[in-house]
Amino acid sequence: MWARRHGSGIAHALAALDFYTKIPIERGDYDPGLIVWDRAATLAKSLGKATFEKAKQLEAYLSDSLKKLAAEGSHLAIMLSRMVVKNRLATSEAEKFANVLAGQGEAQTTTGLLGGLQFLECARDWYQMAQAFDQG
């Protein structure tokens, strides 16, 4: 909206998108960079065809990061999962993510109930997304 109001077209938005996507998603239990990736996903979707290829790359990176973090049982996978679901990304992999997150949820209830429940909540969201896109 700012770019349109100031007559610069989408040049500033594209520059911001390039900058956002250079920030790596770190390993660990918390990554403030996810806020930037959330903004990047929103921005890429709002620009439509102008960023189609960039949006596909962004989606692939987020999907790959979620696969790795979920397989490791990292609590960062919970935050990333919620962001990816919110932005309706990686829908073709919804059932796969649901299964991995459910497995982590079951495994982590023995080590800490709260983490396990959060993984199970994320799995539920992915199962719902898978069902919604199957019914299409």
C-alpha atoms as a PDB file:
ATOM      1  CA  MET A   1       0.000   0.000   0.000  1.00  0.00           C
ATOM      2  CA  TRP A   2       2.836   2.385   0.867  1.00  0.00           C
ATOM      3  CA  ALA A   3       4.533   1.708  -2.462  1.00  0.00           C
ATOM      4  CA  ARG A   4       1.345   2.390  -4.393  1.00  0.00           C
ATOM      5  CA  ARG A   5       0.604   5.563  -2.504  1.00  0.00           C
ATOM      6  CA  HIS A   6       4.056   6.961  -3.220  1.00  0.00           C
ATOM      7  CA  GLY A   7       4.071   6.121  -6.911  1.00  0.00           C
ATOM      8  CA  SER A   8       7.106   3.861  -6.839  1.00  0.00           C
ATOM      9  CA  GLY A   9       5.218   0.854  -8.144  1.00  0.00           C
ATOM     10  CA  ILE A  10       6.323  -2.368  -6.555  1.00  0.00           C
ATOM     11  CA  ALA A  11      10.069  -1.684  -6.602  1.00  0.00           C
ATOM     12  CA  HIS A  12      10.247  -1.074  -2.853  1.00  0.00           C
ATOM     13  CA  ALA A  13       8.092  -4.094  -2.119  1.00  0.00           C
ATOM     14  CA  LEU A  14      10.307  -6.324  -4.274  1.00  0.00           C
ATOM     15  CA  ALA A  15      13.429  -4.957  -2.582  1.00  0.00           C
ATOM     16  CA  ALA A  16      11.883  -5.661   0.827  1.00  0.00           C
ATOM     17  CA  LEU A  17      10.962  -9.178  -0.257  1.00  0.00           C
ATOM     18  CA  ASP A  18      14.533  -9.835  -1.413  1.00  0.00           C
ATOM     19  CA  PHE A  19      15.850  -8.583   1.920  1.00  0.00           C
ATOM     20  CA  TYR A  20      13.357 -10.574   3.996  1.00  0.00           C
ATOM     21  CA  THR A  21      14.201 -13.832   2.270  1.00  0.00           C
ATOM     22  CA  LYS A  22      17.922 -13.478   2.977  1.00  0.00           C
ATOM     23  CA  ILE A  23      17.347 -13.900   6.723  1.00  0.00           C
ATOM     24  CA  PRO A  24      17.923 -17.560   7.606  1.00  0.00           C
ATOM     25  CA  ILE A  25      15.635 -19.535   9.854  1.00  0.00           C
ATOM     26  CA  GLU A  26      17.856 -20.551  12.736  1.00  0.00           C
ATOM     27  CA  ARG A  27      17.770 -23.720  14.743  1.00  0.00           C
ATOM     28  CA  GLY A  28      16.707 -23.535  18.353  1.00  0.00           C
ATOM     29  CA  ASP A  29      13.553 -22.948  20.296  1.00  0.00           C
ATOM     30  CA  TYR A  30      12.842 -19.393  19.174  1.00  0.00           C
ATOM     31  CA  ASP A  31      13.713 -17.371  16.095  1.00  0.00           C
ATOM     32  CA  PRO A  32      12.612 -13.757  15.785  1.00  0.00           C
ATOM     33  CA  GLY A  33      13.345 -14.069  12.053  1.00  0.00           C
ATOM     34  CA  LEU A  34      10.049 -15.917  11.633  1.00  0.00           C
ATOM     35  CA  ILE A  35       8.269 -12.580  11.952  1.00  0.00           C
ATOM     36  CA  VAL A  36      10.172 -11.411   8.877  1.00  0.00           C
ATOM     37  CA  TRP A  37       9.335 -14.604   6.982  1.00  0.00           C
ATOM     38  CA  ASP A  38       5.672 -14.137   7.858  1.00  0.00           C
ATOM     39  CA  ARG A  39       5.852 -10.647   6.398  1.00  0.00           C
ATOM     40  CA  ALA A  40       7.630 -11.996   3.313  1.00  0.00           C
ATOM     41  CA  ALA A  41       4.899 -14.604   2.727  1.00  0.00           C
ATOM     42  CA  THR A  42       2.176 -11.978   3.104  1.00  0.00           C
ATOM     43  CA  LEU A  43       3.982  -9.558   0.815  1.00  0.00           C
ATOM     44  CA  ALA A  44       4.669 -12.175  -1.863  1.00  0.00           C
ATOM     45  CA  LYS A  45       1.017 -13.205  -1.904  1.00  0.00           C
ATOM     46  CA  SER A  46      -0.168  -9.602  -2.085  1.00  0.00           C
ATOM     47  CA  LEU A  47       2.004  -8.822  -5.112  1.00  0.00           C
ATOM     48  CA  GLY A  48       0.484 -11.667  -7.103  1.00  0.00           C
ATOM     49  CA  LYS A  49       1.966 -12.487 -10.504  1.00  0.00           C
ATOM     50  CA  ALA A  50       4.856 -10.048 -10.079  1.00  0.00           C
ATOM     51  CA  THR A  51       6.389 -12.352  -7.476  1.00  0.00           C
ATOM     52  CA  PHE A  52       5.113 -15.763  -8.530  1.00  0.00           C
ATOM     53  CA  GLU A  53       8.576 -17.337  -8.840  1.00  0.00           C
ATOM     54  CA  LYS A  54       9.815 -15.679  -5.645  1.00  0.00           C
ATOM     55  CA  ALA A  55       6.700 -16.876  -3.817  1.00  0.00           C
ATOM     56  CA  LYS A  56       7.329 -20.458  -4.978  1.00  0.00           C
ATOM     57  CA  GLN A  57      10.953 -20.262  -3.774  1.00  0.00           C
ATOM     58  CA  LEU A  58       9.790 -18.830  -0.450  1.00  0.00           C
ATOM     59  CA  GLU A  59       7.243 -21.605  -0.045  1.00  0.00           C
ATOM     60  CA  ALA A  60       9.844 -24.266  -0.865  1.00  0.00           C
ATOM     61  CA  TYR A  61      12.299 -22.834   1.672  1.00  0.00           C
ATOM     62  CA  LEU A  62       9.683 -22.662   4.413  1.00  0.00           C
ATOM     63  CA  SER A  63       8.473 -26.168   3.625  1.00  0.00           C
ATOM     64  CA  ASP A  64      12.018 -27.550   3.709  1.00  0.00           C
ATOM     65  CA  SER A  65      12.752 -25.742   6.983  1.00  0.00           C
ATOM     66  CA  LEU A  66       9.563 -27.085   8.533  1.00  0.00           C
ATOM     67  CA  LYS A  67      10.432 -30.639   7.455  1.00  0.00           C
ATOM     68  CA  LYS A  68      13.850 -30.413   9.095  1.00  0.00           C
ATOM     69  CA  LEU A  69      12.667 -28.727  12.291  1.00  0.00           C
ATOM     70  CA  ALA A  70       9.686 -31.052  12.721  1.00  0.00           C
ATOM     71  CA  ALA A  71      11.853 -34.131  12.198  1.00  0.00           C
ATOM     72  CA  GLU A  72      14.241 -32.836  14.881  1.00  0.00           C
ATOM     73  CA  GLY A  73      11.379 -32.177  17.278  1.00  0.00           C
ATOM     74  CA  SER A  74      12.441 -28.544  17.578  1.00  0.00           C
ATOM     75  CA  HIS A  75       9.913 -26.291  19.246  1.00  0.00           C
ATOM     76  CA  LEU A  76      10.665 -23.777  16.503  1.00  0.00           C
ATOM     77  CA  ALA A  77       8.728 -26.169  14.241  1.00  0.00           C
ATOM     78  CA  ILE A  78       5.602 -25.223  16.194  1.00  0.00           C
ATOM     79  CA  MET A  79       6.027 -21.518  15.455  1.00  0.00           C
ATOM     80  CA  LEU A  80       6.953 -22.144  11.835  1.00  0.00           C
ATOM     81  CA  SER A  81       4.065 -24.554  11.367  1.00  0.00           C
ATOM     82  CA  ARG A  82       1.565 -22.022  12.661  1.00  0.00           C
ATOM     83  CA  MET A  83       2.947 -19.357  10.335  1.00  0.00           C
ATOM     84  CA  VAL A  84       2.903 -21.638   7.288  1.00  0.00           C
ATOM     85  CA  VAL A  85      -0.656 -22.788   8.016  1.00  0.00           C
ATOM     86  CA  LYS A  86      -1.808 -19.202   8.571  1.00  0.00           C
ATOM     87  CA  ASN A  87      -0.436 -18.239   5.159  1.00  0.00           C
ATOM     88  CA  ARG A  88      -1.865 -21.383   3.548  1.00  0.00           C
ATOM     89  CA  LEU A  89       1.487 -22.513   2.190  1.00  0.00           C
ATOM     90  CA  ALA A  90       2.715 -26.041   1.424  1.00  0.00           C
ATOM     91  CA  THR A  91      -0.858 -27.297   1.169  1.00  0.00           C
ATOM     92  CA  SER A  92       0.190 -30.224  -1.000  1.00  0.00           C
ATOM     93  CA  GLU A  93       2.272 -31.522   1.904  1.00  0.00           C
ATOM     94  CA  ALA A  94      -0.392 -31.005   4.564  1.00  0.00           C
ATOM     95  CA  GLU A  95      -0.937 -34.664   5.410  1.00  0.00           C
ATOM     96  CA  LYS A  96       2.796 -35.366   5.565  1.00  0.00           C
ATOM     97  CA  PHE A  97       3.341 -32.455   7.969  1.00  0.00           C
ATOM     98  CA  ALA A  98       0.351 -33.541  10.035  1.00  0.00           C
ATOM     99  CA  ASN A  99       1.778 -37.032  10.458  1.00  0.00           C
ATOM    100  CA  VAL A 100       5.267 -35.842  11.421  1.00  0.00           C
ATOM    101  CA  LEU A 101       3.946 -33.268  13.885  1.00  0.00           C
ATOM    102  CA  ALA A 102       1.527 -35.783  15.402  1.00  0.00           C
ATOM    103  CA  GLY A 103       4.413 -38.192  15.901  1.00  0.00           C
ATOM    104  CA  GLN A 104       6.430 -35.486  17.634  1.00  0.00           C
ATOM    105  CA  GLY A 105       3.430 -34.614  19.770  1.00  0.00           C
ATOM    106  CA  GLU A 106       3.049 -38.195  20.930  1.00  0.00           C
ATOM    107  CA  ALA A 107       6.781 -38.548  21.580  1.00  0.00           C
ATOM    108  CA  GLN A 108       7.065 -35.272  23.455  1.00  0.00           C
ATOM    109  CA  THR A 109       4.168 -35.827  25.825  1.00  0.00           C
ATOM    110  CA  THR A 110       6.523 -38.112  27.746  1.00  0.00           C
ATOM    111  CA  THR A 111       9.142 -35.359  28.111  1.00  0.00           C
ATOM    112  CA  GLY A 112       6.894 -32.362  28.532  1.00  0.00           C
ATOM    113  CA  LEU A 113       3.149 -32.216  28.222  1.00  0.00           C
ATOM    114  CA  LEU A 114       2.964 -28.621  26.953  1.00  0.00           C
ATOM    115  CA  GLY A 115       5.314 -29.169  24.010  1.00  0.00           C
ATOM    116  CA  GLY A 116       3.558 -32.380  23.075  1.00  0.00           C
ATOM    117  CA  LEU A 117       0.163 -30.705  23.085  1.00  0.00           C
ATOM    118  CA  GLN A 118       1.427 -27.872  20.900  1.00  0.00           C
ATOM    119  CA  PHE A 119       2.776 -30.340  18.342  1.00  0.00           C
ATOM    120  CA  LEU A 120      -0.574 -32.144  18.382  1.00  0.00           C
ATOM    121  CA  GLU A 121      -2.440 -28.846  17.874  1.00  0.00           C
ATOM    122  CA  CYS A 122      -0.257 -28.113  14.856  1.00  0.00           C
ATOM    123  CA  ALA A 123      -0.909 -31.613  13.520  1.00  0.00           C
ATOM    124  CA  ARG A 124      -4.652 -31.021  13.896  1.00  0.00           C
ATOM    125  CA  ASP A 125      -4.366 -27.806  11.859  1.00  0.00           C
ATOM    126  CA  TRP A 126      -2.493 -29.622   9.089  1.00  0.00           C
ATOM    127  CA  TYR A 127      -5.026 -32.475   9.065  1.00  0.00           C
ATOM    128  CA  GLN A 128      -7.812 -29.906   8.721  1.00  0.00           C
ATOM    129  CA  MET A 129      -5.956 -28.203   5.878  1.00  0.00           C
ATOM    130  CA  ALA A 130      -5.398 -31.534   4.135  1.00  0.00           C
ATOM    131  CA  GLN A 131      -9.080 -32.355   4.418  1.00  0.00           C
ATOM    132  CA  ALA A 132     -10.136 -28.913   3.165  1.00  0.00           C
ATOM    133  CA  PHE A 133      -7.919 -29.154   0.100  1.00  0.00           C
ATOM    134  CA  ASP A 134      -8.951 -32.753  -0.623  1.00  0.00           C
ATOM    135  CA  GLN A 135     -12.584 -31.648  -0.723  1.00  0.00           C
ATOM    136  CA  GLY A 136     -11.443 -28.683  -2.799  1.00  0.00           C
END
